[in-house]
Amino acid sequence: GMSLVSETAARVLRELDVKAGDTVLVHGAS
């Protein structure tokens, strides 16, 4: 069950260009 959720999260973080020092807000984080 990890592929779809991991790819979705990775794609969003890539699109946002998240890097060291950034602060990310994740709604529905559980």
ModelCIF file with pLDDT and N, C-alpha, C, O atoms, coordinates in Angstrom:
data_MODEL
#
_entry.id   MODEL 
#
_entity.id                         1 
_entity.type                       polymer 
_entity.pdbx_number_of_molecules   1 
#
_entity_poly.entity_id                      1 
_entity_poly.type                           'polypeptide(L)' 
_entity_poly.nstd_linkage                   no 
_entity_poly.nstd_monomer                   no 
_entity_poly.pdbx_seq_one_letter_code       GMSLVSETAARVLRELDVKAGDTVLVHGAS 
_entity_poly.pdbx_seq_one_letter_code_can   GMSLVSETAARVLRELDVKAGDTVLVHGAS 
_entity_poly.pdbx_strand_id                 A 
#
loop_
_entity_poly_seq.entity_id 
_entity_poly_seq.num 
_entity_poly_seq.mon_id 
_entity_poly_seq.hetero 
1 1  GLY n 
1 2  MET n 
1 3  SER n 
1 4  LEU n 
1 5  VAL n 
1 6  SER n 
1 7  GLU n 
1 8  THR n 
1 9  ALA n 
1 10 ALA n 
1 11 ARG n 
1 12 VAL n 
1 13 LEU n 
1 14 ARG n 
1 15 GLU n 
1 16 LEU n 
1 17 ASP n 
1 18 VAL n 
1 19 LYS n 
1 20 ALA n 
1 21 GLY n 
1 22 ASP n 
1 23 THR n 
1 24 VAL n 
1 25 LEU n 
1 26 VAL n 
1 27 HIS n 
1 28 GLY n 
1 29 ALA n 
1 30 SER n 
#
_struct_asym.id          A 
_struct_asym.entity_id   1 
#
loop_
_ma_qa_metric.id 
_ma_qa_metric.mode 
_ma_qa_metric.name 
_ma_qa_metric.software_group_id 
_ma_qa_metric.type 
1 global pLDDT . pLDDT 
2 local  pLDDT . pLDDT 
#
_ma_qa_metric_global.metric_id      1 
_ma_qa_metric_global.metric_value   95.87 
_ma_qa_metric_global.model_id       1 
_ma_qa_metric_global.ordinal_id     1 
#
loop_
_ma_qa_metric_local.label_asym_id 
_ma_qa_metric_local.label_comp_id 
_ma_qa_metric_local.label_seq_id 
_ma_qa_metric_local.metric_id 
_ma_qa_metric_local.metric_value 
_ma_qa_metric_local.model_id 
_ma_qa_metric_local.ordinal_id 
A GLY 1  2 92.00 1 1  
A MET 2  2 92.00 1 2  
A SER 3  2 92.00 1 3  
A LEU 4  2 92.00 1 4  
A VAL 5  2 92.00 1 5  
A SER 6  2 92.00 1 6  
A GLU 7  2 93.00 1 7  
A THR 8  2 94.00 1 8  
A ALA 9  2 96.00 1 9  
A ALA 10 2 96.00 1 10 
A ARG 11 2 96.00 1 11 
A VAL 12 2 97.00 1 12 
A LEU 13 2 97.00 1 13 
A ARG 14 2 97.00 1 14 
A GLU 15 2 97.00 1 15 
A LEU 16 2 97.00 1 16 
A ASP 17 2 98.00 1 17 
A VAL 18 2 98.00 1 18 
A LYS 19 2 97.00 1 19 
A ALA 20 2 98.00 1 20 
A GLY 21 2 98.00 1 21 
A ASP 22 2 98.00 1 22 
A THR 23 2 98.00 1 23 
A VAL 24 2 98.00 1 24 
A LEU 25 2 98.00 1 25 
A VAL 26 2 98.00 1 26 
A HIS 27 2 97.00 1 27 
A GLY 28 2 95.00 1 28 
A ALA 29 2 97.00 1 29 
A SER 30 2 96.00 1 30 
#
loop_
_atom_site.group_PDB 
_atom_site.id 
_atom_site.type_symbol 
_atom_site.label_atom_id 
_atom_site.label_alt_id 
_atom_site.label_comp_id 
_atom_site.label_asym_id 
_atom_site.label_entity_id 
_atom_site.label_seq_id 
_atom_site.pdbx_PDB_ins_code 
_atom_site.Cartn_x 
_atom_site.Cartn_y 
_atom_site.Cartn_z 
_atom_site.occupancy 
_atom_site.B_iso_or_equiv 
_atom_site.pdbx_formal_charge 
_atom_site.auth_seq_id 
_atom_site.auth_comp_id 
_atom_site.auth_asym_id 
_atom_site.auth_atom_id 
_atom_site.pdbx_PDB_model_num 
ATOM 1   N N  . GLY A 1 1  ? 0.793  -1.229 0.000  1.00 92.00 ? 1  GLY A N  1 
ATOM 2   C CA . GLY A 1 1  ? 0.000  0.000  0.000  1.00 92.00 ? 1  GLY A CA 1 
ATOM 3   C C  . GLY A 1 1  ? 0.823  1.276  0.000  1.00 92.00 ? 1  GLY A C  1 
ATOM 4   O O  . GLY A 1 1  ? 0.271  2.359  0.193  1.00 92.00 ? 1  GLY A O  1 
ATOM 5   N N  . MET A 1 2  ? 2.127  1.178  -0.211 1.00 92.00 ? 2  MET A N  1 
ATOM 6   C CA . MET A 1 2  ? 2.989  2.362  -0.100 1.00 92.00 ? 2  MET A CA 1 
ATOM 7   C C  . MET A 1 2  ? 3.219  3.104  -1.410 1.00 92.00 ? 2  MET A C  1 
ATOM 8   O O  . MET A 1 2  ? 3.479  4.307  -1.382 1.00 92.00 ? 2  MET A O  1 
ATOM 9   N N  . SER A 1 3  ? 3.137  2.451  -2.531 1.00 92.00 ? 3  SER A N  1 
ATOM 10  C CA . SER A 1 3  ? 3.537  3.074  -3.795 1.00 92.00 ? 3  SER A CA 1 
ATOM 11  C C  . SER A 1 3  ? 2.725  4.314  -4.133 1.00 92.00 ? 3  SER A C  1 
ATOM 12  O O  . SER A 1 3  ? 3.289  5.377  -4.392 1.00 92.00 ? 3  SER A O  1 
ATOM 13  N N  . LEU A 1 4  ? 1.416  4.183  -4.131 1.00 92.00 ? 4  LEU A N  1 
ATOM 14  C CA . LEU A 1 4  ? 0.552  5.289  -4.540 1.00 92.00 ? 4  LEU A CA 1 
ATOM 15  C C  . LEU A 1 4  ? 0.670  6.482  -3.603 1.00 92.00 ? 4  LEU A C  1 
ATOM 16  O O  . LEU A 1 4  ? 0.790  7.618  -4.060 1.00 92.00 ? 4  LEU A O  1 
ATOM 17  N N  . VAL A 1 5  ? 0.638  6.234  -2.288 1.00 92.00 ? 5  VAL A N  1 
ATOM 18  C CA . VAL A 1 5  ? 0.714  7.357  -1.355 1.00 92.00 ? 5  VAL A CA 1 
ATOM 19  C C  . VAL A 1 5  ? 2.096  8.004  -1.381 1.00 92.00 ? 5  VAL A C  1 
ATOM 20  O O  . VAL A 1 5  ? 2.213  9.226  -1.291 1.00 92.00 ? 5  VAL A O  1 
ATOM 21  N N  . SER A 1 6  ? 3.132  7.193  -1.501 1.00 92.00 ? 6  SER A N  1 
ATOM 22  C CA . SER A 1 6  ? 4.492  7.738  -1.533 1.00 92.00 ? 6  SER A CA 1 
ATOM 23  C C  . SER A 1 6  ? 4.735  8.556  -2.789 1.00 92.00 ? 6  SER A C  1 
ATOM 24  O O  . SER A 1 6  ? 5.327  9.634  -2.733 1.00 92.00 ? 6  SER A O  1 
ATOM 25  N N  . GLU A 1 7  ? 4.274  8.040  -3.926 1.00 93.00 ? 7  GLU A N  1 
ATOM 26  C CA . GLU A 1 7  ? 4.458  8.766  -5.184 1.00 93.00 ? 7  GLU A CA 1 
ATOM 27  C C  . GLU A 1 7  ? 3.675  10.072 -5.168 1.00 93.00 ? 7  GLU A C  1 
ATOM 28  O O  . GLU A 1 7  ? 4.168  11.095 -5.642 1.00 93.00 ? 7  GLU A O  1 
ATOM 29  N N  . THR A 1 8  ? 2.464  10.047 -4.630 1.00 94.00 ? 8  THR A N  1 
ATOM 30  C CA . THR A 1 8  ? 1.650  11.256 -4.551 1.00 94.00 ? 8  THR A CA 1 
ATOM 31  C C  . THR A 1 8  ? 2.338  12.311 -3.689 1.00 94.00 ? 8  THR A C  1 
ATOM 32  O O  . THR A 1 8  ? 2.432  13.473 -4.086 1.00 94.00 ? 8  THR A O  1 
ATOM 33  N N  . ALA A 1 9  ? 2.817  11.914 -2.517 1.00 96.00 ? 9  ALA A N  1 
ATOM 34  C CA . ALA A 1 9  ? 3.510  12.855 -1.630 1.00 96.00 ? 9  ALA A CA 1 
ATOM 35  C C  . ALA A 1 9  ? 4.786  13.381 -2.269 1.00 96.00 ? 9  ALA A C  1 
ATOM 36  O O  . ALA A 1 9  ? 5.068  14.577 -2.204 1.00 96.00 ? 9  ALA A O  1 
ATOM 37  N N  . ALA A 1 10 ? 5.554  12.497 -2.883 1.00 96.00 ? 10 ALA A N  1 
ATOM 38  C CA . ALA A 1 10 ? 6.819  12.916 -3.516 1.00 96.00 ? 10 ALA A CA 1 
ATOM 39  C C  . ALA A 1 10 ? 6.551  13.893 -4.659 1.00 96.00 ? 10 ALA A C  1 
ATOM 40  O O  . ALA A 1 10 ? 7.281  14.871 -4.817 1.00 96.00 ? 10 ALA A O  1 
ATOM 41  N N  . ARG A 1 11 ? 5.518  13.640 -5.452 1.00 96.00 ? 11 ARG A N  1 
ATOM 42  C CA . ARG A 1 11 ? 5.198  14.517 -6.580 1.00 96.00 ? 11 ARG A CA 1 
ATOM 43  C C  . ARG A 1 11 ? 4.833  15.919 -6.088 1.00 96.00 ? 11 ARG A C  1 
ATOM 44  O O  . ARG A 1 11 ? 5.288  16.915 -6.650 1.00 96.00 ? 11 ARG A O  1 
ATOM 45  N N  . VAL A 1 12 ? 4.018  15.994 -5.048 1.00 97.00 ? 12 VAL A N  1 
ATOM 46  C CA . VAL A 1 12 ? 3.624  17.305 -4.515 1.00 97.00 ? 12 VAL A CA 1 
ATOM 47  C C  . VAL A 1 12 ? 4.836  18.052 -3.975 1.00 97.00 ? 12 VAL A C  1 
ATOM 48  O O  . VAL A 1 12 ? 5.006  19.240 -4.250 1.00 97.00 ? 12 VAL A O  1 
ATOM 49  N N  . LEU A 1 13 ? 5.673  17.372 -3.215 1.00 97.00 ? 13 LEU A N  1 
ATOM 50  C CA . LEU A 1 13 ? 6.856  18.032 -2.652 1.00 97.00 ? 13 LEU A CA 1 
ATOM 51  C C  . LEU A 1 13 ? 7.816  18.478 -3.759 1.00 97.00 ? 13 LEU A C  1 
ATOM 52  O O  . LEU A 1 13 ? 8.457  19.522 -3.643 1.00 97.00 ? 13 LEU A O  1 
ATOM 53  N N  . ARG A 1 14 ? 7.912  17.699 -4.815 1.00 97.00 ? 14 ARG A N  1 
ATOM 54  C CA . ARG A 1 14 ? 8.736  18.079 -5.976 1.00 97.00 ? 14 ARG A CA 1 
ATOM 55  C C  . ARG A 1 14 ? 8.159  19.321 -6.661 1.00 97.00 ? 14 ARG A C  1 
ATOM 56  O O  . ARG A 1 14 ? 8.892  20.250 -7.000 1.00 97.00 ? 14 ARG A O  1 
ATOM 57  N N  . GLU A 1 15 ? 6.841  19.325 -6.859 1.00 97.00 ? 15 GLU A N  1 
ATOM 58  C CA . GLU A 1 15 ? 6.182  20.475 -7.498 1.00 97.00 ? 15 GLU A CA 1 
ATOM 59  C C  . GLU A 1 15 ? 6.363  21.749 -6.676 1.00 97.00 ? 15 GLU A C  1 
ATOM 60  O O  . GLU A 1 15 ? 6.494  22.843 -7.226 1.00 97.00 ? 15 GLU A O  1 
ATOM 61  N N  . LEU A 1 16 ? 6.367  21.593 -5.353 1.00 97.00 ? 16 LEU A N  1 
ATOM 62  C CA . LEU A 1 16 ? 6.553  22.744 -4.463 1.00 97.00 ? 16 LEU A CA 1 
ATOM 63  C C  . LEU A 1 16 ? 8.027  23.097 -4.276 1.00 97.00 ? 16 LEU A C  1 
ATOM 64  O O  . LEU A 1 16 ? 8.354  24.115 -3.664 1.00 97.00 ? 16 LEU A O  1 
ATOM 65  N N  . ASP A 1 17 ? 8.912  22.257 -4.803 1.00 98.00 ? 17 ASP A N  1 
ATOM 66  C CA . ASP A 1 17 ? 10.361 22.451 -4.684 1.00 98.00 ? 17 ASP A CA 1 
ATOM 67  C C  . ASP A 1 17 ? 10.781 22.581 -3.223 1.00 98.00 ? 17 ASP A C  1 
ATOM 68  O O  . ASP A 1 17 ? 11.536 23.482 -2.857 1.00 98.00 ? 17 ASP A O  1 
ATOM 69  N N  . VAL A 1 18 ? 10.279 21.663 -2.395 1.00 98.00 ? 18 VAL A N  1 
ATOM 70  C CA . VAL A 1 18 ? 10.593 21.676 -0.961 1.00 98.00 ? 18 VAL A CA 1 
ATOM 71  C C  . VAL A 1 18 ? 12.062 21.313 -0.769 1.00 98.00 ? 18 VAL A C  1 
ATOM 72  O O  . VAL A 1 18 ? 12.574 20.349 -1.338 1.00 98.00 ? 18 VAL A O  1 
ATOM 73  N N  . LYS A 1 19 ? 12.718 22.129 0.057  1.00 97.00 ? 19 LYS A N  1 
ATOM 74  C CA . LYS A 1 19 ? 14.145 21.904 0.314  1.00 97.00 ? 19 LYS A CA 1 
ATOM 75  C C  . LYS A 1 19 ? 14.465 22.223 1.769  1.00 97.00 ? 19 LYS A C  1 
ATOM 76  O O  . LYS A 1 19 ? 13.610 22.681 2.527  1.00 97.00 ? 19 LYS A O  1 
ATOM 77  N N  . ALA A 1 20 ? 15.713 21.971 2.138  1.00 98.00 ? 20 ALA A N  1 
ATOM 78  C CA . ALA A 1 20 ? 16.170 22.227 3.507  1.00 98.00 ? 20 ALA A CA 1 
ATOM 79  C C  . ALA A 1 20 ? 15.871 23.661 3.895  1.00 98.00 ? 20 ALA A C  1 
ATOM 80  O O  . ALA A 1 20 ? 16.093 24.595 3.125  1.00 98.00 ? 20 ALA A O  1 
ATOM 81  N N  . GLY A 1 21 ? 15.360 23.813 5.109  1.00 98.00 ? 21 GLY A N  1 
ATOM 82  C CA . GLY A 1 21 ? 15.045 25.138 5.637  1.00 98.00 ? 21 GLY A CA 1 
ATOM 83  C C  . GLY A 1 21 ? 13.611 25.568 5.398  1.00 98.00 ? 21 GLY A C  1 
ATOM 84  O O  . GLY A 1 21 ? 13.150 26.506 6.049  1.00 98.00 ? 21 GLY A O  1 
ATOM 85  N N  . ASP A 1 22 ? 12.882 24.921 4.488  1.00 98.00 ? 22 ASP A N  1 
ATOM 86  C CA . ASP A 1 22 ? 11.477 25.256 4.240  1.00 98.00 ? 22 ASP A CA 1 
ATOM 87  C C  . ASP A 1 22 ? 10.607 24.742 5.379  1.00 98.00 ? 22 ASP A C  1 
ATOM 88  O O  . ASP A 1 22 ? 10.994 23.837 6.118  1.00 98.00 ? 22 ASP A O  1 
ATOM 89  N N  . THR A 1 23 ? 9.432  25.333 5.506  1.00 98.00 ? 23 THR A N  1 
ATOM 90  C CA . THR A 1 23 ? 8.413  24.836 6.425  1.00 98.00 ? 23 THR A CA 1 
ATOM 91  C C  . THR A 1 23 ? 7.228  24.391 5.579  1.00 98.00 ? 23 THR A C  1 
ATOM 92  O O  . THR A 1 23 ? 6.748  25.133 4.722  1.00 98.00 ? 23 THR A O  1 
ATOM 93  N N  . VAL A 1 24 ? 6.763  23.175 5.828  1.00 98.00 ? 24 VAL A N  1 
ATOM 94  C CA . VAL A 1 24 ? 5.674  22.591 5.053  1.00 98.00 ? 24 VAL A CA 1 
ATOM 95  C C  . VAL A 1 24 ? 4.493  22.338 5.981  1.00 98.00 ? 24 VAL A C  1 
ATOM 96  O O  . VAL A 1 24 ? 4.657  21.792 7.072  1.00 98.00 ? 24 VAL A O  1 
ATOM 97  N N  . LEU A 1 25 ? 3.292  22.740 5.539  1.00 98.00 ? 25 LEU A N  1 
ATOM 98  C CA . LEU A 1 25 ? 2.067  22.456 6.263  1.00 98.00 ? 25 LEU A CA 1 
ATOM 99  C C  . LEU A 1 25 ? 1.363  21.311 5.554  1.00 98.00 ? 25 LEU A C  1 
ATOM 100 O O  . LEU A 1 25 ? 1.055  21.404 4.366  1.00 98.00 ? 25 LEU A O  1 
ATOM 101 N N  . VAL A 1 26 ? 1.107  20.216 6.293  1.00 98.00 ? 26 VAL A N  1 
ATOM 102 C CA . VAL A 1 26 ? 0.436  19.051 5.729  1.00 98.00 ? 26 VAL A CA 1 
ATOM 103 C C  . VAL A 1 26 ? -0.901 18.879 6.442  1.00 98.00 ? 26 VAL A C  1 
ATOM 104 O O  . VAL A 1 26 ? -0.944 18.533 7.623  1.00 98.00 ? 26 VAL A O  1 
ATOM 105 N N  . HIS A 1 27 ? -1.993 19.123 5.715  1.00 97.00 ? 27 HIS A N  1 
ATOM 106 C CA . HIS A 1 27 ? -3.328 18.883 6.271  1.00 97.00 ? 27 HIS A CA 1 
ATOM 107 C C  . HIS A 1 27 ? -3.671 17.404 6.120  1.00 97.00 ? 27 HIS A C  1 
ATOM 108 O O  . HIS A 1 27 ? -3.264 16.767 5.149  1.00 97.00 ? 27 HIS A O  1 
ATOM 109 N N  . GLY A 1 28 ? -4.414 16.863 7.072  1.00 95.00 ? 28 GLY A N  1 
ATOM 110 C CA . GLY A 1 28 ? -4.747 15.436 7.029  1.00 95.00 ? 28 GLY A CA 1 
ATOM 111 C C  . GLY A 1 28 ? -3.488 14.587 7.121  1.00 95.00 ? 28 GLY A C  1 
ATOM 112 O O  . GLY A 1 28 ? -3.360 13.569 6.441  1.00 95.00 ? 28 GLY A O  1 
ATOM 113 N N  . ALA A 1 29 ? -2.579 15.009 7.953  1.00 97.00 ? 29 ALA A N  1 
ATOM 114 C CA . ALA A 1 29 ? -1.243 14.416 8.001  1.00 97.00 ? 29 ALA A CA 1 
ATOM 115 C C  . ALA A 1 29 ? -1.214 12.991 8.539  1.00 97.00 ? 29 ALA A C  1 
ATOM 116 O O  . ALA A 1 29 ? -0.197 12.315 8.386  1.00 97.00 ? 29 ALA A O  1 
ATOM 117 N N  . SER A 1 30 ? -2.280 12.508 9.159  1.00 96.00 ? 30 SER A N  1 
ATOM 118 C CA . SER A 1 30 ? -2.269 11.133 9.673  1.00 96.00 ? 30 SER A CA 1 
ATOM 119 C C  . SER A 1 30 ? -2.706 10.122 8.625  1.00 96.00 ? 30 SER A C  1 
ATOM 120 O O  . SER A 1 30 ? -2.749 8.924  8.903  1.00 96.00 ? 30 SER A O  1 
#
